[in-house]
Amino acid sequence: MQTKTKLTVTIDSEVLPRAKAFARERGVSLSSLIEESLREALADHRLTSADRVDWDTAEARTAAIVARLDEETPEESWARLNDQTLPIGARLLGQAKPETPLTDEELDDLRYEYLREKYG
C-alpha cells in the first residue's frame, strides 16, 4: 500500500472555495483532487518527454497491483483506474469481479454456449 505524506500548499483565496466545491461535486476529497491533478500533469509530461513505455517497469507495477488487489480500498481502486501513468491493463485489473467465483463446470457451460452460438 502506498504511503501518504502531509504537504502544506498555498492556494489563492478565490480558488480554494471553487476547488472544494469541485471536489465535493466529484465525491472526492480536496487532497485526492490535487493528487489526481498532479498525476495527470506528470503523466502528460511523461508522455511528451518519452513516448515509449518501459515494459519491465509496467510489468513490475502490474504484478505489484495484482499482489495487493484484495486489500485495496475502493478509493485506491478508483485512483488506480484514473492513473494515466499505468498501462491500461493495470488500471483495469480487478474492476470486473463476479459476485461468486465460477466453478469449472459453470465455465465449461459458458464456453459451450459461446461456441454453440458462434458455430451453430
C-alpha atoms as a PDB file:
ATOM      1  CA  MET A   1       0.000   0.000   0.000  1.00  0.00           C
ATOM      2  CA  GLN A   2       1.272   3.485  -0.841  1.00  0.00           C
ATOM      3  CA  THR A   3       2.186   5.783   1.999  1.00  0.00           C
ATOM      4  CA  LYS A   4       0.836   9.302   2.149  1.00  0.00           C
ATOM      5  CA  THR A   5       2.825  12.397   3.110  1.00  0.00           C
ATOM      6  CA  LYS A   6       1.383  15.608   4.504  1.00  0.00           C
ATOM      7  CA  LEU A   7       2.070  18.721   2.490  1.00  0.00           C
ATOM      8  CA  THR A   8       1.215  22.358   3.078  1.00  0.00           C
ATOM      9  CA  VAL A   9       0.006  24.080  -0.078  1.00  0.00           C
ATOM     10  CA  THR A  10      -0.744  27.769  -0.511  1.00  0.00           C
ATOM     11  CA  ILE A  11      -3.740  28.439  -2.764  1.00  0.00           C
ATOM     12  CA  ASP A  12      -5.324  31.689  -3.866  1.00  0.00           C
ATOM     13  CA  SER A  13      -8.300  32.582  -1.640  1.00  0.00           C
ATOM     14  CA  GLU A  14     -10.604  32.769  -4.681  1.00  0.00           C
ATOM     15  CA  VAL A  15      -9.567  29.353  -5.978  1.00  0.00           C
ATOM     16  CA  LEU A  16      -9.927  27.411  -2.719  1.00  0.00           C
ATOM     17  CA  PRO A  17     -13.748  27.548  -2.361  1.00  0.00           C
ATOM     18  CA  ARG A  18     -14.185  26.651  -6.029  1.00  0.00           C
ATOM     19  CA  ALA A  19     -11.742  23.749  -5.684  1.00  0.00           C
ATOM     20  CA  LYS A  20     -13.577  22.467  -2.589  1.00  0.00           C
ATOM     21  CA  ALA A  21     -16.915  22.685  -4.394  1.00  0.00           C
ATOM     22  CA  PHE A  22     -15.489  20.893  -7.426  1.00  0.00           C
ATOM     23  CA  ALA A  23     -14.088  18.100  -5.241  1.00  0.00           C
ATOM     24  CA  ARG A  24     -17.408  17.801  -3.413  1.00  0.00           C
ATOM     25  CA  GLU A  25     -19.279  17.509  -6.752  1.00  0.00           C
ATOM     26  CA  ARG A  26     -16.955  14.674  -7.777  1.00  0.00           C
ATOM     27  CA  GLY A  27     -17.336  12.981  -4.394  1.00  0.00           C
ATOM     28  CA  VAL A  28     -13.635  13.114  -3.557  1.00  0.00           C
ATOM     29  CA  SER A  29     -11.527  14.932  -1.021  1.00  0.00           C
ATOM     30  CA  LEU A  30      -9.595  18.056  -1.932  1.00  0.00           C
ATOM     31  CA  SER A  31      -6.382  16.121  -1.297  1.00  0.00           C
ATOM     32  CA  SER A  32      -7.467  13.434  -3.770  1.00  0.00           C
ATOM     33  CA  LEU A  33      -8.377  16.076  -6.330  1.00  0.00           C
ATOM     34  CA  ILE A  34      -4.983  17.757  -6.008  1.00  0.00           C
ATOM     35  CA  GLU A  35      -3.168  14.410  -6.136  1.00  0.00           C
ATOM     36  CA  GLU A  36      -5.090  13.363  -9.258  1.00  0.00           C
ATOM     37  CA  SER A  37      -4.342  16.710 -10.930  1.00  0.00           C
ATOM     38  CA  LEU A  38      -0.652  16.236 -10.189  1.00  0.00           C
ATOM     39  CA  ARG A  39      -0.760  12.674 -11.538  1.00  0.00           C
ATOM     40  CA  GLU A  40      -2.364  13.920 -14.769  1.00  0.00           C
ATOM     41  CA  ALA A  41       0.193  16.691 -15.142  1.00  0.00           C
ATOM     42  CA  LEU A  42       3.033  14.236 -14.533  1.00  0.00           C
ATOM     43  CA  ALA A  43       1.523  11.740 -16.977  1.00  0.00           C
ATOM     44  CA  ASP A  44       1.212  14.450 -19.638  1.00  0.00           C
ATOM     45  CA  HIS A  45       4.823  15.423 -19.014  1.00  0.00           C
ATOM     46  CA  ARG A  46       5.929  11.783 -19.153  1.00  0.00           C
ATOM     47  CA  LEU A  47       4.102  11.210 -22.433  1.00  0.00           C
ATOM     48  CA  THR A  48       5.576  14.287 -24.075  1.00  0.00           C
ATOM     49  CA  SER A  49       9.101  13.707 -22.772  1.00  0.00           C
ATOM     50  CA  ALA A  50       9.255   9.989 -23.610  1.00  0.00           C
ATOM     51  CA  ASP A  51       6.743   8.383 -25.933  1.00  0.00           C
ATOM     52  CA  ARG A  52       7.845   4.844 -25.156  1.00  0.00           C
ATOM     53  CA  VAL A  53       6.689   2.506 -22.415  1.00  0.00           C
ATOM     54  CA  ASP A  54       9.226   0.855 -20.153  1.00  0.00           C
ATOM     55  CA  TRP A  55       7.652  -2.622 -20.256  1.00  0.00           C
ATOM     56  CA  ASP A  56       9.835  -4.008 -17.456  1.00  0.00           C
ATOM     57  CA  THR A  57       8.557  -1.293 -15.154  1.00  0.00           C
ATOM     58  CA  ALA A  58       4.986  -1.678 -16.420  1.00  0.00           C
ATOM     59  CA  GLU A  59       5.058  -5.432 -15.794  1.00  0.00           C
ATOM     60  CA  ALA A  60       6.544  -4.949 -12.321  1.00  0.00           C
ATOM     61  CA  ARG A  61       3.894  -2.353 -11.438  1.00  0.00           C
ATOM     62  CA  THR A  62       1.146  -4.640 -12.736  1.00  0.00           C
ATOM     63  CA  ALA A  63       2.487  -7.553 -10.672  1.00  0.00           C
ATOM     64  CA  ALA A  64       2.578  -5.339  -7.581  1.00  0.00           C
ATOM     65  CA  ILE A  65      -1.039  -4.293  -8.161  1.00  0.00           C
ATOM     66  CA  VAL A  66      -2.176  -7.892  -8.610  1.00  0.00           C
ATOM     67  CA  ALA A  67      -0.448  -8.836  -5.347  1.00  0.00           C
ATOM     68  CA  ARG A  68      -2.437  -6.261  -3.368  1.00  0.00           C
ATOM     69  CA  LEU A  69      -5.803  -6.252  -5.146  1.00  0.00           C
ATOM     70  CA  ASP A  70      -7.589  -7.979  -2.255  1.00  0.00           C
ATOM     71  CA  GLU A  71      -6.524  -5.348   0.280  1.00  0.00           C
ATOM     72  CA  GLU A  72      -7.103  -2.344  -1.995  1.00  0.00           C
ATOM     73  CA  THR A  73      -9.724   0.124  -0.767  1.00  0.00           C
ATOM     74  CA  PRO A  74     -12.397   1.464  -3.156  1.00  0.00           C
ATOM     75  CA  GLU A  75     -10.637   4.853  -3.104  1.00  0.00           C
ATOM     76  CA  GLU A  76      -7.316   3.259  -4.070  1.00  0.00           C
ATOM     77  CA  SER A  77      -9.035   1.265  -6.801  1.00  0.00           C
ATOM     78  CA  TRP A  78     -10.597   4.459  -8.185  1.00  0.00           C
ATOM     79  CA  ALA A  79      -7.259   6.289  -8.066  1.00  0.00           C
ATOM     80  CA  ARG A  80      -5.551   3.400  -9.871  1.00  0.00           C
ATOM     81  CA  LEU A  81      -8.290   3.316 -12.509  1.00  0.00           C
ATOM     82  CA  ASN A  82      -7.651   7.010 -13.225  1.00  0.00           C
ATOM     83  CA  ASP A  83      -3.837   6.824 -13.027  1.00  0.00           C
ATOM     84  CA  GLN A  84      -2.767   7.620 -16.591  1.00  0.00           C
ATOM     85  CA  THR A  85       0.842   6.616 -15.850  1.00  0.00           C
ATOM     86  CA  LEU A  86      -0.224   2.965 -15.551  1.00  0.00           C
ATOM     87  CA  PRO A  87      -0.764   0.705 -18.532  1.00  0.00           C
ATOM     88  CA  ILE A  88      -4.455   0.197 -19.329  1.00  0.00           C
ATOM     89  CA  GLY A  89      -4.323  -3.428 -18.201  1.00  0.00           C
ATOM     90  CA  ALA A  90      -3.004  -2.449 -14.776  1.00  0.00           C
ATOM     91  CA  ARG A  91      -5.666   0.237 -14.426  1.00  0.00           C
ATOM     92  CA  LEU A  92      -8.479  -2.195 -15.230  1.00  0.00           C
ATOM     93  CA  LEU A  93      -7.277  -5.107 -13.055  1.00  0.00           C
ATOM     94  CA  GLY A  94      -9.967  -6.248 -10.658  1.00  0.00           C
ATOM     95  CA  GLN A  95     -12.640  -3.883 -11.977  1.00  0.00           C
ATOM     96  CA  ALA A  96     -14.968  -6.653 -13.146  1.00  0.00           C
ATOM     97  CA  LYS A  97     -15.410  -9.302 -10.488  1.00  0.00           C
ATOM     98  CA  PRO A  98     -18.220 -11.844 -10.386  1.00  0.00           C
ATOM     99  CA  GLU A  99     -20.201 -11.916  -7.135  1.00  0.00           C
ATOM    100  CA  THR A 100     -19.102 -15.514  -6.554  1.00  0.00           C
ATOM    101  CA  PRO A 101     -16.287 -17.319  -8.337  1.00  0.00           C
ATOM    102  CA  LEU A 102     -17.459 -19.570 -11.145  1.00  0.00           C
ATOM    103  CA  THR A 103     -16.927 -23.308 -10.848  1.00  0.00           C
ATOM    104  CA  ASP A 104     -15.137 -25.286 -13.552  1.00  0.00           C
ATOM    105  CA  GLU A 105     -18.489 -26.742 -14.588  1.00  0.00           C
ATOM    106  CA  GLU A 106     -20.025 -23.259 -14.955  1.00  0.00           C
ATOM    107  CA  LEU A 107     -17.038 -22.119 -17.030  1.00  0.00           C
ATOM    108  CA  ASP A 108     -17.412 -25.181 -19.265  1.00  0.00           C
ATOM    109  CA  ASP A 109     -21.122 -24.387 -19.704  1.00  0.00           C
ATOM    110  CA  LEU A 110     -20.312 -20.800 -20.658  1.00  0.00           C
ATOM    111  CA  ARG A 111     -17.696 -21.942 -23.180  1.00  0.00           C
ATOM    112  CA  TYR A 112     -20.157 -24.445 -24.655  1.00  0.00           C
ATOM    113  CA  GLU A 113     -22.886 -21.799 -25.005  1.00  0.00           C
ATOM    114  CA  TYR A 114     -20.456 -19.368 -26.626  1.00  0.00           C
ATOM    115  CA  LEU A 115     -19.226 -21.955 -29.124  1.00  0.00           C
ATOM    116  CA  ARG A 116     -22.778 -23.163 -29.831  1.00  0.00           C
ATOM    117  CA  GLU A 117     -23.876 -19.580 -30.637  1.00  0.00           C
ATOM    118  CA  LYS A 118     -20.762 -18.907 -32.700  1.00  0.00           C
ATOM    119  CA  TYR A 119     -20.761 -22.099 -34.774  1.00  0.00           C
ATOM    120  CA  GLY A 120     -24.406 -23.179 -34.523  1.00  0.00           C
END
